[in-house]
Amino acid sequence: MTTLLIYSKPVPLTVNFPSMAPMTLSQFYDFCQVNQELRIERTATGEVIVMPPAFSDTGNRNFNLAVQLGIWAEQDQTGL
């Protein structure tokens, strides 16, 4: 097995596997299982998108944003 280390900003990263394309559902499942620390998605066209895990700073920002959105939706009574 080949391990590829990718250091990137916390934005989605598209990884192309031309020698494996198109991956079957079983191959994609196996790929996800050996990379459980990553958030992996596959598009309708077969592209594999690997997103870095949300770290505590990102998690806190996301939580605060969700709280503010929830409070606004309750006060505005138009939302969610």
N, C-alpha and C. Protein backbone atom coordinates (compact mmCIF):
# COMPACT_ATOMS: atom_id res chain seq x y z
N MET A 1 0.85 -1.17 0.00
CA MET A 1 0.00 0.00 0.00
C MET A 1 0.89 1.23 0.00
N THR A 2 0.50 2.22 -0.77
CA THR A 2 1.21 3.48 -0.84
C THR A 2 0.54 4.49 0.06
N THR A 3 1.34 5.20 0.84
CA THR A 3 0.81 6.25 1.70
C THR A 3 1.22 7.59 1.13
N LEU A 4 0.26 8.47 0.96
CA LEU A 4 0.51 9.79 0.42
C LEU A 4 0.17 10.81 1.49
N LEU A 5 1.15 11.59 1.91
CA LEU A 5 0.93 12.64 2.90
C LEU A 5 0.70 13.95 2.17
N ILE A 6 -0.40 14.60 2.47
CA ILE A 6 -0.74 15.86 1.83
C ILE A 6 -0.94 16.89 2.92
N TYR A 7 -0.14 17.94 2.88
CA TYR A 7 -0.29 19.03 3.82
C TYR A 7 -1.00 20.16 3.09
N SER A 8 -2.13 20.58 3.61
CA SER A 8 -2.90 21.60 2.91
C SER A 8 -3.60 22.50 3.89
N LYS A 9 -4.14 23.58 3.35
CA LYS A 9 -5.00 24.45 4.14
C LYS A 9 -6.29 23.69 4.42
N PRO A 10 -7.05 24.08 5.43
CA PRO A 10 -8.28 23.35 5.76
C PRO A 10 -9.41 23.62 4.76
N VAL A 11 -9.18 23.19 3.52
CA VAL A 11 -10.20 23.28 2.47
C VAL A 11 -10.30 21.91 1.81
N PRO A 12 -11.45 21.61 1.18
CA PRO A 12 -11.57 20.32 0.51
C PRO A 12 -10.47 20.13 -0.53
N LEU A 13 -10.00 18.90 -0.67
CA LEU A 13 -8.92 18.55 -1.58
C LEU A 13 -9.41 17.42 -2.46
N THR A 14 -9.36 17.58 -3.78
CA THR A 14 -9.77 16.53 -4.69
C THR A 14 -8.56 15.68 -5.02
N VAL A 15 -8.69 14.37 -4.87
CA VAL A 15 -7.62 13.43 -5.18
C VAL A 15 -8.09 12.58 -6.35
N ASN A 16 -7.28 12.55 -7.41
CA ASN A 16 -7.63 11.75 -8.58
C ASN A 16 -6.83 10.45 -8.57
N PHE A 17 -7.48 9.37 -8.89
CA PHE A 17 -6.85 8.06 -8.96
C PHE A 17 -7.02 7.51 -10.38
N PRO A 18 -6.25 8.02 -11.35
CA PRO A 18 -6.49 7.61 -12.73
C PRO A 18 -6.31 6.11 -12.96
N SER A 19 -5.38 5.48 -12.25
CA SER A 19 -5.18 4.04 -12.45
C SER A 19 -6.29 3.22 -11.83
N MET A 20 -7.05 3.80 -10.91
CA MET A 20 -8.12 3.06 -10.24
C MET A 20 -9.50 3.48 -10.74
N ALA A 21 -9.57 4.51 -11.56
CA ALA A 21 -10.87 5.05 -11.96
C ALA A 21 -11.54 4.12 -12.96
N PRO A 22 -12.83 3.95 -12.89
CA PRO A 22 -13.67 4.35 -11.78
C PRO A 22 -13.61 3.33 -10.65
N MET A 23 -13.63 3.81 -9.44
CA MET A 23 -13.62 2.93 -8.27
C MET A 23 -15.00 2.33 -8.10
N THR A 24 -15.04 1.05 -7.81
CA THR A 24 -16.32 0.43 -7.50
C THR A 24 -16.74 0.86 -6.10
N LEU A 25 -17.99 0.61 -5.75
CA LEU A 25 -18.45 0.93 -4.40
C LEU A 25 -17.62 0.18 -3.37
N SER A 26 -17.28 -1.07 -3.67
CA SER A 26 -16.47 -1.87 -2.75
C SER A 26 -15.07 -1.29 -2.59
N GLN A 27 -14.45 -0.87 -3.68
CA GLN A 27 -13.12 -0.26 -3.61
C GLN A 27 -13.16 1.06 -2.84
N PHE A 28 -14.20 1.84 -3.08
CA PHE A 28 -14.34 3.11 -2.36
C PHE A 28 -14.52 2.86 -0.87
N TYR A 29 -15.33 1.86 -0.53
CA TYR A 29 -15.53 1.51 0.88
C TYR A 29 -14.20 1.11 1.51
N ASP A 30 -13.43 0.26 0.83
CA ASP A 30 -12.13 -0.17 1.35
C ASP A 30 -11.19 1.03 1.52
N PHE A 31 -11.20 1.94 0.55
CA PHE A 31 -10.38 3.14 0.62
C PHE A 31 -10.74 3.97 1.86
N CYS A 32 -12.04 4.10 2.11
CA CYS A 32 -12.51 4.86 3.28
C CYS A 32 -12.12 4.16 4.58
N GLN A 33 -12.16 2.83 4.59
CA GLN A 33 -11.83 2.09 5.80
C GLN A 33 -10.37 2.23 6.19
N VAL A 34 -9.47 2.28 5.19
CA VAL A 34 -8.04 2.42 5.53
C VAL A 34 -7.65 3.87 5.78
N ASN A 35 -8.58 4.79 5.57
CA ASN A 35 -8.34 6.21 5.81
C ASN A 35 -9.42 6.79 6.70
N GLN A 36 -9.74 6.11 7.80
CA GLN A 36 -10.86 6.52 8.65
C GLN A 36 -10.65 7.88 9.32
N GLU A 37 -9.41 8.34 9.39
CA GLU A 37 -9.17 9.63 10.03
C GLU A 37 -9.55 10.79 9.12
N LEU A 38 -9.84 10.50 7.86
CA LEU A 38 -10.21 11.54 6.91
C LEU A 38 -11.70 11.54 6.63
N ARG A 39 -12.21 12.69 6.25
CA ARG A 39 -13.60 12.78 5.79
C ARG A 39 -13.55 12.65 4.28
N ILE A 40 -14.10 11.58 3.76
CA ILE A 40 -13.99 11.28 2.34
C ILE A 40 -15.37 11.22 1.73
N GLU A 41 -15.51 11.86 0.57
CA GLU A 41 -16.76 11.83 -0.17
C GLU A 41 -16.45 11.48 -1.62
N ARG A 42 -17.47 11.01 -2.33
CA ARG A 42 -17.32 10.75 -3.76
C ARG A 42 -18.45 11.45 -4.49
N THR A 43 -18.11 12.19 -5.54
CA THR A 43 -19.12 12.92 -6.30
C THR A 43 -19.84 11.98 -7.26
N ALA A 44 -20.89 12.48 -7.87
CA ALA A 44 -21.66 11.69 -8.84
C ALA A 44 -20.81 11.31 -10.05
N THR A 45 -19.76 12.09 -10.32
CA THR A 45 -18.90 11.79 -11.46
C THR A 45 -17.71 10.92 -11.07
N GLY A 46 -17.64 10.50 -9.81
CA GLY A 46 -16.58 9.59 -9.37
C GLY A 46 -15.37 10.25 -8.76
N GLU A 47 -15.35 11.58 -8.68
CA GLU A 47 -14.22 12.25 -8.04
C GLU A 47 -14.24 11.96 -6.54
N VAL A 48 -13.05 11.74 -5.99
CA VAL A 48 -12.92 11.50 -4.56
C VAL A 48 -12.47 12.79 -3.91
N ILE A 49 -13.22 13.25 -2.92
CA ILE A 49 -12.89 14.49 -2.21
C ILE A 49 -12.49 14.13 -0.79
N VAL A 50 -11.28 14.53 -0.41
CA VAL A 50 -10.76 14.27 0.93
C VAL A 50 -10.69 15.60 1.65
N MET A 51 -11.42 15.70 2.77
CA MET A 51 -11.41 16.92 3.56
C MET A 51 -10.69 16.65 4.87
N PRO A 52 -9.80 17.54 5.27
CA PRO A 52 -9.11 17.34 6.54
C PRO A 52 -10.10 17.38 7.70
N PRO A 53 -9.77 16.68 8.77
CA PRO A 53 -10.68 16.69 9.92
C PRO A 53 -10.80 18.09 10.51
N ALA A 54 -11.94 18.36 11.09
CA ALA A 54 -12.14 19.65 11.76
C ALA A 54 -11.42 19.61 13.10
N PHE A 55 -10.51 20.53 13.28
CA PHE A 55 -9.77 20.60 14.54
C PHE A 55 -10.56 21.45 15.52
N SER A 56 -10.06 21.58 16.72
CA SER A 56 -10.83 22.24 17.77
C SER A 56 -11.20 23.68 17.41
N ASP A 57 -10.29 24.42 16.78
CA ASP A 57 -10.61 25.80 16.40
C ASP A 57 -11.75 25.83 15.40
N THR A 58 -11.67 24.99 14.39
CA THR A 58 -12.73 24.93 13.38
C THR A 58 -14.02 24.43 14.00
N GLY A 59 -13.92 23.42 14.85
CA GLY A 59 -15.10 22.89 15.52
C GLY A 59 -15.79 23.94 16.37
N ASN A 60 -15.00 24.73 17.09
CA ASN A 60 -15.56 25.79 17.92
C ASN A 60 -16.25 26.85 17.07
N ARG A 61 -15.61 27.23 15.96
CA ARG A 61 -16.24 28.22 15.07
C ARG A 61 -17.54 27.69 14.49
N ASN A 62 -17.52 26.43 14.06
CA ASN A 62 -18.74 25.83 13.51
C ASN A 62 -19.84 25.77 14.56
N PHE A 63 -19.49 25.41 15.79
CA PHE A 63 -20.47 25.33 16.86
C PHE A 63 -21.05 26.72 17.15
N ASN A 64 -20.18 27.72 17.26
CA ASN A 64 -20.66 29.08 17.53
C ASN A 64 -21.55 29.59 16.41
N LEU A 65 -21.20 29.29 15.18
CA LEU A 65 -22.03 29.69 14.05
C LEU A 65 -23.40 29.02 14.11
N ALA A 66 -23.41 27.73 14.43
CA ALA A 66 -24.68 27.01 14.53
C ALA A 66 -25.55 27.57 15.65
N VAL A 67 -24.94 27.91 16.79
CA VAL A 67 -25.69 28.49 17.90
C VAL A 67 -26.29 29.83 17.49
N GLN A 68 -25.48 30.68 16.86
CA GLN A 68 -25.98 31.99 16.44
C GLN A 68 -27.11 31.85 15.42
N LEU A 69 -26.97 30.91 14.49
CA LEU A 69 -28.02 30.67 13.50
C LEU A 69 -29.30 30.18 14.17
N GLY A 70 -29.16 29.29 15.14
CA GLY A 70 -30.32 28.79 15.87
C GLY A 70 -31.03 29.88 16.65
N ILE A 71 -30.27 30.73 17.32
CA ILE A 71 -30.86 31.84 18.08
C ILE A 71 -31.59 32.79 17.14
N TRP A 72 -30.95 33.12 16.01
CA TRP A 72 -31.58 34.01 15.04
C TRP A 72 -32.87 33.39 14.50
N ALA A 73 -32.84 32.11 14.16
CA ALA A 73 -34.02 31.45 13.61
C ALA A 73 -35.16 31.44 14.62
N GLU A 74 -34.85 31.25 15.89
CA GLU A 74 -35.88 31.27 16.93
C GLU A 74 -36.48 32.66 17.08
N GLN A 75 -35.63 33.68 17.08
CA GLN A 75 -36.11 35.05 17.25
C GLN A 75 -36.89 35.52 16.02
N ASP A 76 -36.43 35.15 14.85
CA ASP A 76 -37.04 35.59 13.59
C ASP A 76 -38.29 34.78 13.26
N GLN A 77 -38.35 33.58 13.75
CA GLN A 77 -39.44 32.63 13.54
C GLN A 77 -39.74 32.37 12.07
N THR A 78 -38.70 32.41 11.24
CA THR A 78 -38.89 32.09 9.83
C THR A 78 -38.12 30.83 9.45
N GLY A 79 -37.39 30.33 10.39
CA GLY A 79 -36.37 29.39 9.97
C GLY A 79 -36.57 27.95 10.33
N LEU A 80 -35.61 27.30 10.28
CA LEU A 80 -35.25 25.92 10.42
C LEU A 80 -36.29 25.10 11.04
